[in-house]
Amino acid sequence: MNRILDTAKKAGLDGFMLALISMIGLAYLWPYPGMKESPVPLAQISTYAVSLIFFFYGLRLSPDKLRAGLANWKLHALVHISTFVIFPLLALAFRPLFQGEDHKMMWLAIFFLTTLPSTVSSSVVMVSIAGGNIPAAIFNASISSLMGVFITPLWMGVVLDTNSGHYDIMSVVGKLSLQVLLPVALGILMNKKWGGFAEKYKKNIRYFDQSSILLIVYTSFCESFGEHLFSEFEAKDIVLLGVGMLVLFFAVYFLLTFFCRILGFSKEDEVTAVFCGSKKSLIQGAVMSKVLFSGANAGVMLLPIMLYHALQLISASVIAQRMARLHHQDQEPLAKL
């Protein structure tokens, strides 16, 4: 077992990713506990857990650091344009390739992925490994999460209005504000008093975060498997989706690299831009799917973001390690002098 885990870790699949895959398998084999008919309200429990995730997230956000991060506006603008404009426009460009009801639903799930904010923890970790601008990475990833509460529903409203006519954007923003913004705001207000506590026990808090996401994924896929929503998808569809997610990641990565060179960014800022601007948040995807897509559809909507999350971690890990080696090689001649 240790050998299997070590091999998986080298490939970028850590214990959390393996647990996510296990949750999907469990939902397939035993969907009843996560369905509406179950006497245990797992979906409701996961909703409260999400609010706690974002409260702890706010608790670790220092207002002073956020204010200090405002100076590098070119970098911030590029990251957020990539996250909330370039990504969705790429998805819209490929919409004609998805014909038929089942494929339209898959495209909607992909489009949902492209409207999500950047992820916080893995962006900062990759920037740190590759020798980038860490304070700027923390600022961008944090602000991206807050902006997503408003921008993601706006983008989804463009598509869902034409498909259903039952999309109430104010209701969605209101629910997300209660679940995400309010807990974050409370956490920031309590940062001065309890921020040290959150930093001290951040490892334990991370385990709580991951457990909550596992619960959301399990309940979402229970509904989907219970309603047989995946019956029309073949194995080749999932493989093609994975290839598409990989192409999407590298398309945005190379676009960002090109724009960084045009704008004359320093190496540190370029590293921060390409990692923060090419990531998507699994946590935000899980939260928003519960609000935007009720019932069985939530599992289908999570499939692209789960694939993208795994592939972005693997790809970004390889790239970050390569950047770190190149940075080390550049520093060696200077150290000898």
Protein backbone atom coordinates (compact mmCIF):
# COMPACT_ATOMS: atom_id res chain seq x y z
CA MET A 1 0.00 0.00 0.00
CA ASN A 2 2.85 2.40 0.86
CA ARG A 3 4.44 1.70 -2.53
CA ILE A 4 1.15 2.48 -4.30
CA LEU A 5 0.74 5.73 -2.36
CA ASP A 6 4.34 6.77 -3.10
CA THR A 7 3.87 6.12 -6.82
CA ALA A 8 0.60 8.05 -6.84
CA LYS A 9 2.21 10.97 -5.00
CA LYS A 10 5.04 11.16 -7.54
CA ALA A 11 2.40 11.39 -10.28
CA GLY A 12 0.75 14.28 -8.47
CA LEU A 13 -2.11 12.22 -7.00
CA ASP A 14 -1.93 12.87 -3.27
CA GLY A 15 -4.07 11.24 -0.60
CA PHE A 16 -6.83 13.80 -1.06
CA MET A 17 -7.16 13.08 -4.80
CA LEU A 18 -7.28 9.35 -4.11
CA ALA A 19 -9.98 9.99 -1.49
CA LEU A 20 -12.00 11.99 -4.03
CA ILE A 21 -11.88 9.08 -6.47
CA SER A 22 -12.92 6.76 -3.63
CA MET A 23 -15.91 8.96 -2.81
CA ILE A 24 -17.14 8.68 -6.40
CA GLY A 25 -16.73 4.91 -6.22
CA LEU A 26 -18.60 4.78 -2.91
CA ALA A 27 -21.42 6.93 -4.34
CA TYR A 28 -21.70 4.52 -7.28
CA LEU A 29 -21.84 1.43 -5.05
CA TRP A 30 -23.94 2.93 -2.23
CA PRO A 31 -25.83 6.07 -3.29
CA TYR A 32 -28.73 5.86 -0.82
CA PRO A 33 -27.11 7.74 2.17
CA GLY A 34 -26.54 10.83 0.03
CA MET A 35 -29.97 10.96 -1.58
CA LYS A 36 -33.02 12.96 -0.48
CA GLU A 37 -34.75 9.79 0.78
CA SER A 38 -31.97 9.16 3.32
CA PRO A 39 -32.89 9.86 6.99
CA VAL A 40 -29.46 11.46 7.52
CA PRO A 41 -29.36 14.97 5.93
CA LEU A 42 -25.78 14.74 4.58
CA ALA A 43 -26.34 17.46 1.97
CA GLN A 44 -27.52 19.91 4.64
CA ILE A 45 -24.59 19.02 6.90
CA SER A 46 -22.17 19.73 4.05
CA THR A 47 -23.75 23.18 3.58
CA TYR A 48 -22.92 24.17 7.16
CA ALA A 49 -19.44 22.69 6.79
CA VAL A 50 -18.80 24.90 3.75
CA SER A 51 -19.58 28.04 5.76
CA LEU A 52 -17.04 26.93 8.37
CA ILE A 53 -14.43 26.39 5.63
CA PHE A 54 -14.76 29.99 4.50
CA PHE A 55 -14.85 31.32 8.07
CA PHE A 56 -11.45 29.72 8.74
CA TYR A 57 -10.25 31.00 5.38
CA GLY A 58 -11.19 34.56 6.39
CA LEU A 59 -9.63 34.05 9.80
CA ARG A 60 -6.24 33.56 8.12
CA LEU A 61 -6.61 36.61 5.84
CA SER A 62 -4.76 39.60 7.20
CA PRO A 63 -6.29 42.98 6.15
CA ASP A 64 -2.78 44.52 6.18
CA LYS A 65 -1.47 41.97 3.68
CA LEU A 66 -4.49 42.50 1.41
CA ARG A 67 -3.91 46.28 1.40
CA ALA A 68 -0.20 45.81 0.65
CA GLY A 69 -1.00 43.59 -2.31
CA LEU A 70 -2.94 46.27 -4.18
CA ALA A 71 0.19 47.93 -5.62
CA ASN A 72 1.00 45.42 -8.39
CA TRP A 73 -2.17 46.15 -10.39
CA LYS A 74 -0.94 44.91 -13.81
CA LEU A 75 -0.30 41.44 -12.43
CA HIS A 76 -3.65 41.37 -10.63
CA ALA A 77 -5.53 42.54 -13.74
CA LEU A 78 -3.95 39.84 -15.92
CA VAL A 79 -4.72 37.06 -13.44
CA HIS A 80 -8.38 38.04 -13.07
CA ILE A 81 -8.88 38.65 -16.81
CA SER A 82 -7.54 35.15 -17.40
CA THR A 83 -9.69 33.63 -14.65
CA PHE A 84 -12.99 35.33 -15.44
CA VAL A 85 -12.75 36.35 -19.13
CA ILE A 86 -10.29 34.24 -21.14
CA PHE A 87 -11.45 30.92 -19.67
CA PRO A 88 -15.20 31.47 -20.33
CA LEU A 89 -14.55 32.86 -23.82
CA LEU A 90 -12.59 29.72 -24.72
CA ALA A 91 -15.51 27.56 -23.58
CA LEU A 92 -17.98 29.66 -25.57
CA ALA A 93 -15.80 29.31 -28.68
CA PHE A 94 -16.08 25.51 -28.55
CA ARG A 95 -19.80 25.38 -27.82
CA PRO A 96 -20.78 24.39 -31.42
CA LEU A 97 -18.82 21.12 -31.01
CA PHE A 98 -21.27 19.89 -28.35
CA GLN A 99 -24.45 18.68 -30.05
CA GLY A 100 -27.30 16.70 -28.47
CA GLU A 101 -28.83 17.03 -25.00
CA ASP A 102 -26.23 14.95 -23.16
CA HIS A 103 -23.30 16.75 -24.78
CA LYS A 104 -24.95 20.11 -24.12
CA MET A 105 -25.09 19.23 -20.42
CA MET A 106 -21.41 18.32 -20.52
CA TRP A 107 -20.59 21.63 -22.22
CA LEU A 108 -22.57 23.45 -19.52
CA ALA A 109 -20.46 21.66 -16.89
CA ILE A 110 -17.28 22.71 -18.71
CA PHE A 111 -18.50 26.28 -19.00
CA PHE A 112 -19.29 26.25 -15.26
CA LEU A 113 -15.68 25.18 -14.62
CA THR A 114 -14.32 28.06 -16.72
CA THR A 115 -16.32 30.66 -14.75
CA LEU A 116 -14.97 29.56 -11.36
CA PRO A 117 -12.38 31.56 -9.39
CA SER A 118 -8.77 30.53 -8.93
CA THR A 119 -7.79 28.15 -6.16
CA VAL A 120 -5.89 29.49 -3.14
CA SER A 121 -3.74 26.83 -1.51
CA SER A 122 -2.29 25.02 -4.54
CA SER A 123 -1.62 28.31 -6.39
CA VAL A 124 0.43 29.62 -3.48
CA VAL A 125 2.27 26.30 -3.08
CA MET A 126 3.21 26.11 -6.78
CA VAL A 127 4.32 29.76 -6.86
CA SER A 128 6.45 29.11 -3.78
CA ILE A 129 8.11 26.04 -5.35
CA ALA A 130 8.81 27.84 -8.64
CA GLY A 131 10.28 30.93 -6.96
CA GLY A 132 7.49 33.38 -7.76
CA ASN A 133 5.97 36.38 -6.00
CA ILE A 134 4.32 34.72 -3.00
CA PRO A 135 2.57 37.81 -1.47
CA ALA A 136 1.05 38.58 -4.89
CA ALA A 137 -0.09 34.95 -5.21
CA ILE A 138 -1.82 35.07 -1.82
CA PHE A 139 -3.50 38.38 -2.72
CA ASN A 140 -4.70 37.24 -6.16
CA ALA A 141 -5.99 33.86 -5.07
CA SER A 142 -7.81 35.40 -2.10
CA ILE A 143 -9.46 38.20 -4.08
CA SER A 144 -10.37 35.76 -6.86
CA SER A 145 -12.40 33.64 -4.43
CA LEU A 146 -14.40 36.68 -3.30
CA MET A 147 -14.95 37.96 -6.84
CA GLY A 148 -16.23 34.56 -7.92
CA VAL A 149 -19.28 34.90 -5.67
CA PHE A 150 -20.56 37.59 -8.06
CA ILE A 151 -18.88 36.87 -11.41
CA THR A 152 -19.59 33.12 -11.65
CA PRO A 153 -23.40 33.56 -11.25
CA LEU A 154 -23.30 36.41 -13.80
CA TRP A 155 -21.61 34.22 -16.41
CA MET A 156 -23.91 31.27 -15.67
CA GLY A 157 -26.90 33.57 -16.03
CA VAL A 158 -25.88 34.28 -19.63
CA VAL A 159 -26.22 30.57 -20.46
CA LEU A 160 -28.89 29.33 -18.06
CA ASP A 161 -31.35 32.09 -19.00
CA THR A 162 -31.39 30.85 -22.58
CA ASN A 163 -31.74 27.21 -21.56
CA SER A 164 -34.27 27.24 -18.75
CA GLY A 165 -35.66 30.63 -17.87
CA HIS A 166 -35.70 29.59 -14.18
CA TYR A 167 -32.44 31.22 -13.13
CA ASP A 168 -32.74 33.91 -10.46
CA ILE A 169 -29.34 35.59 -10.25
CA MET A 170 -30.19 37.67 -7.17
CA SER A 171 -31.25 34.55 -5.29
CA VAL A 172 -28.03 32.77 -6.26
CA VAL A 173 -25.80 35.71 -5.23
CA GLY A 174 -27.76 36.01 -1.98
CA LYS A 175 -27.23 32.33 -1.12
CA LEU A 176 -23.53 32.47 -2.01
CA SER A 177 -23.10 35.66 0.01
CA LEU A 178 -24.56 33.94 3.07
CA GLN A 179 -22.51 30.78 2.55
CA VAL A 180 -19.22 32.37 1.45
CA LEU A 181 -18.91 36.16 1.88
CA LEU A 182 -20.48 36.46 5.33
CA PRO A 183 -18.27 33.74 6.91
CA VAL A 184 -15.16 35.22 5.21
CA ALA A 185 -16.04 38.73 6.45
CA LEU A 186 -16.54 37.44 10.00
CA GLY A 187 -13.21 35.62 9.80
CA ILE A 188 -11.36 38.75 8.61
CA LEU A 189 -12.92 40.80 11.41
CA MET A 190 -11.68 38.23 13.94
CA ASN A 191 -8.23 37.88 12.31
CA LYS A 192 -6.47 40.15 14.79
CA LYS A 193 -7.67 38.12 17.78
CA TRP A 194 -7.85 34.58 16.39
CA GLY A 195 -5.57 34.70 13.29
CA GLY A 196 -2.67 33.21 15.23
CA PHE A 197 -4.87 30.30 16.32
CA ALA A 198 -5.86 29.62 12.69
CA GLU A 199 -2.21 29.68 11.56
CA LYS A 200 -1.13 27.41 14.42
CA TYR A 201 -3.75 24.78 13.59
CA LYS A 202 -3.85 25.27 9.82
CA LYS A 203 -2.97 21.61 9.23
CA ASN A 204 -6.00 20.47 11.24
CA ILE A 205 -8.17 23.05 9.49
CA ARG A 206 -6.98 21.74 6.11
CA TYR A 207 -8.12 18.24 7.08
CA PHE A 208 -11.53 19.67 7.98
CA ASP A 209 -11.70 21.48 4.62
CA GLN A 210 -10.85 18.33 2.72
CA SER A 211 -13.35 16.23 4.68
CA SER A 212 -16.09 18.74 3.86
CA ILE A 213 -15.26 18.64 0.15
CA LEU A 214 -15.32 14.84 0.22
CA LEU A 215 -18.79 14.97 1.76
CA ILE A 216 -20.02 17.42 -0.92
CA VAL A 217 -18.61 15.26 -3.72
CA TYR A 218 -20.14 12.11 -2.24
CA THR A 219 -23.64 13.59 -1.84
CA SER A 220 -23.54 15.21 -5.31
CA PHE A 221 -22.59 11.98 -7.05
CA CYS A 222 -25.08 9.95 -4.99
CA GLU A 223 -27.93 11.95 -6.55
CA SER A 224 -26.41 11.66 -10.03
CA PHE A 225 -25.87 7.90 -9.83
CA GLY A 226 -29.28 7.41 -8.18
CA GLU A 227 -30.97 9.21 -11.08
CA HIS A 228 -28.76 7.38 -13.65
CA LEU A 229 -27.47 10.65 -15.12
CA PHE A 230 -24.20 9.07 -16.21
CA SER A 231 -25.84 6.21 -18.12
CA GLU A 232 -25.46 8.03 -21.45
CA PHE A 233 -21.73 8.69 -20.97
CA GLU A 234 -19.21 6.10 -22.15
CA ALA A 235 -15.64 5.60 -20.92
CA LYS A 236 -14.31 7.29 -24.06
CA ASP A 237 -16.36 10.41 -23.21
CA ILE A 238 -14.62 10.68 -19.84
CA VAL A 239 -11.20 10.14 -21.46
CA LEU A 240 -11.92 12.80 -24.10
CA LEU A 241 -13.09 15.14 -21.35
CA GLY A 242 -9.81 14.61 -19.50
CA VAL A 243 -7.81 15.34 -22.65
CA GLY A 244 -9.90 18.47 -23.19
CA MET A 245 -9.20 19.65 -19.64
CA LEU A 246 -5.48 19.17 -20.18
CA VAL A 247 -5.61 21.13 -23.45
CA LEU A 248 -7.56 23.90 -21.69
CA PHE A 249 -4.95 24.17 -18.93
CA PHE A 250 -1.99 24.43 -21.31
CA ALA A 251 -3.83 26.80 -23.67
CA VAL A 252 -4.35 29.28 -20.83
CA TYR A 253 -0.86 28.64 -19.43
CA PHE A 254 0.87 29.50 -22.73
CA LEU A 255 -1.43 32.46 -23.36
CA LEU A 256 -0.50 33.88 -19.96
CA THR A 257 3.20 33.29 -20.62
CA PHE A 258 2.87 35.19 -23.91
CA PHE A 259 1.07 38.14 -22.27
CA CYS A 260 3.62 38.27 -19.43
CA ARG A 261 6.46 38.58 -21.94
CA ILE A 262 4.59 41.30 -23.87
CA LEU A 263 3.94 43.27 -20.66
CA GLY A 264 7.55 42.92 -19.51
CA PHE A 265 6.82 41.13 -16.22
CA SER A 266 9.68 40.09 -13.98
CA LYS A 267 10.32 36.34 -13.71
CA GLU A 268 8.71 36.25 -10.26
CA ASP A 269 5.56 38.01 -11.45
CA GLU A 270 5.35 35.79 -14.53
CA VAL A 271 5.47 32.68 -12.35
CA THR A 272 2.67 34.08 -10.19
CA ALA A 273 0.53 35.02 -13.19
CA VAL A 274 0.77 31.67 -14.97
CA PHE A 275 0.00 29.62 -11.86
CA CYS A 276 -2.73 31.79 -10.33
CA GLY A 277 -4.35 32.56 -13.68
CA SER A 278 -4.53 28.96 -14.92
CA LYS A 279 -6.04 27.36 -11.79
CA LYS A 280 -9.66 26.69 -10.88
CA SER A 281 -11.04 26.12 -7.38
CA LEU A 282 -12.56 22.74 -6.53
CA ILE A 283 -13.91 24.15 -3.24
CA GLN A 284 -15.77 26.97 -4.99
CA GLY A 285 -16.97 24.55 -7.66
CA ALA A 286 -18.41 22.22 -5.03
CA VAL A 287 -20.09 25.08 -3.17
CA MET A 288 -21.56 26.78 -6.23
CA SER A 289 -22.78 23.56 -7.82
CA LYS A 290 -24.98 22.99 -4.76
CA VAL A 291 -26.53 26.45 -5.20
CA LEU A 292 -26.73 26.62 -9.00
CA PHE A 293 -27.63 23.01 -9.83
CA SER A 294 -29.98 21.25 -7.48
CA GLY A 295 -30.28 17.51 -7.12
CA ALA A 296 -28.80 15.01 -9.52
CA ASN A 297 -27.27 17.55 -11.92
CA ALA A 298 -24.69 18.63 -9.32
CA GLY A 299 -22.63 15.46 -9.82
CA VAL A 300 -22.39 15.96 -13.59
CA MET A 301 -21.44 19.60 -13.08
CA LEU A 302 -18.60 18.57 -10.76
CA LEU A 303 -17.05 16.05 -13.16
CA PRO A 304 -15.03 18.54 -15.31
CA ILE A 305 -13.78 20.51 -12.29
CA MET A 306 -12.64 17.30 -10.57
CA LEU A 307 -10.76 16.19 -13.68
CA TYR A 308 -9.31 19.67 -14.18
CA HIS A 309 -8.32 19.86 -10.50
CA ALA A 310 -6.37 16.60 -10.69
CA LEU A 311 -4.74 17.40 -14.03
CA GLN A 312 -3.84 20.98 -13.05
CA LEU A 313 -2.12 19.68 -9.91
CA ILE A 314 -0.12 17.10 -11.86
CA SER A 315 0.82 19.50 -14.68
CA ALA A 316 1.56 22.45 -12.40
CA SER A 317 3.68 20.26 -10.10
CA VAL A 318 5.86 19.12 -13.01
CA ILE A 319 6.21 22.70 -14.34
CA ALA A 320 6.92 24.17 -10.88
CA GLN A 321 9.61 21.57 -10.15
CA ARG A 322 11.24 22.27 -13.53
CA MET A 323 11.20 26.04 -12.85
CA ALA A 324 12.73 25.42 -9.42
CA ARG A 325 15.59 23.38 -10.96
CA LEU A 326 16.26 26.06 -13.58
CA HIS A 327 16.22 28.76 -10.89
CA HIS A 328 18.67 26.73 -8.79
CA GLN A 329 20.99 26.27 -11.79
CA ASP A 330 20.94 30.02 -12.44
CA GLN A 331 21.83 30.75 -8.84
CA GLU A 332 24.78 28.33 -8.65
CA PRO A 333 27.23 30.46 -10.74
CA LEU A 334 26.34 33.52 -8.65
CA ALA A 335 26.95 31.62 -5.43
CA LYS A 336 30.45 30.62 -6.64
CA LEU A 337 31.31 34.26 -7.31
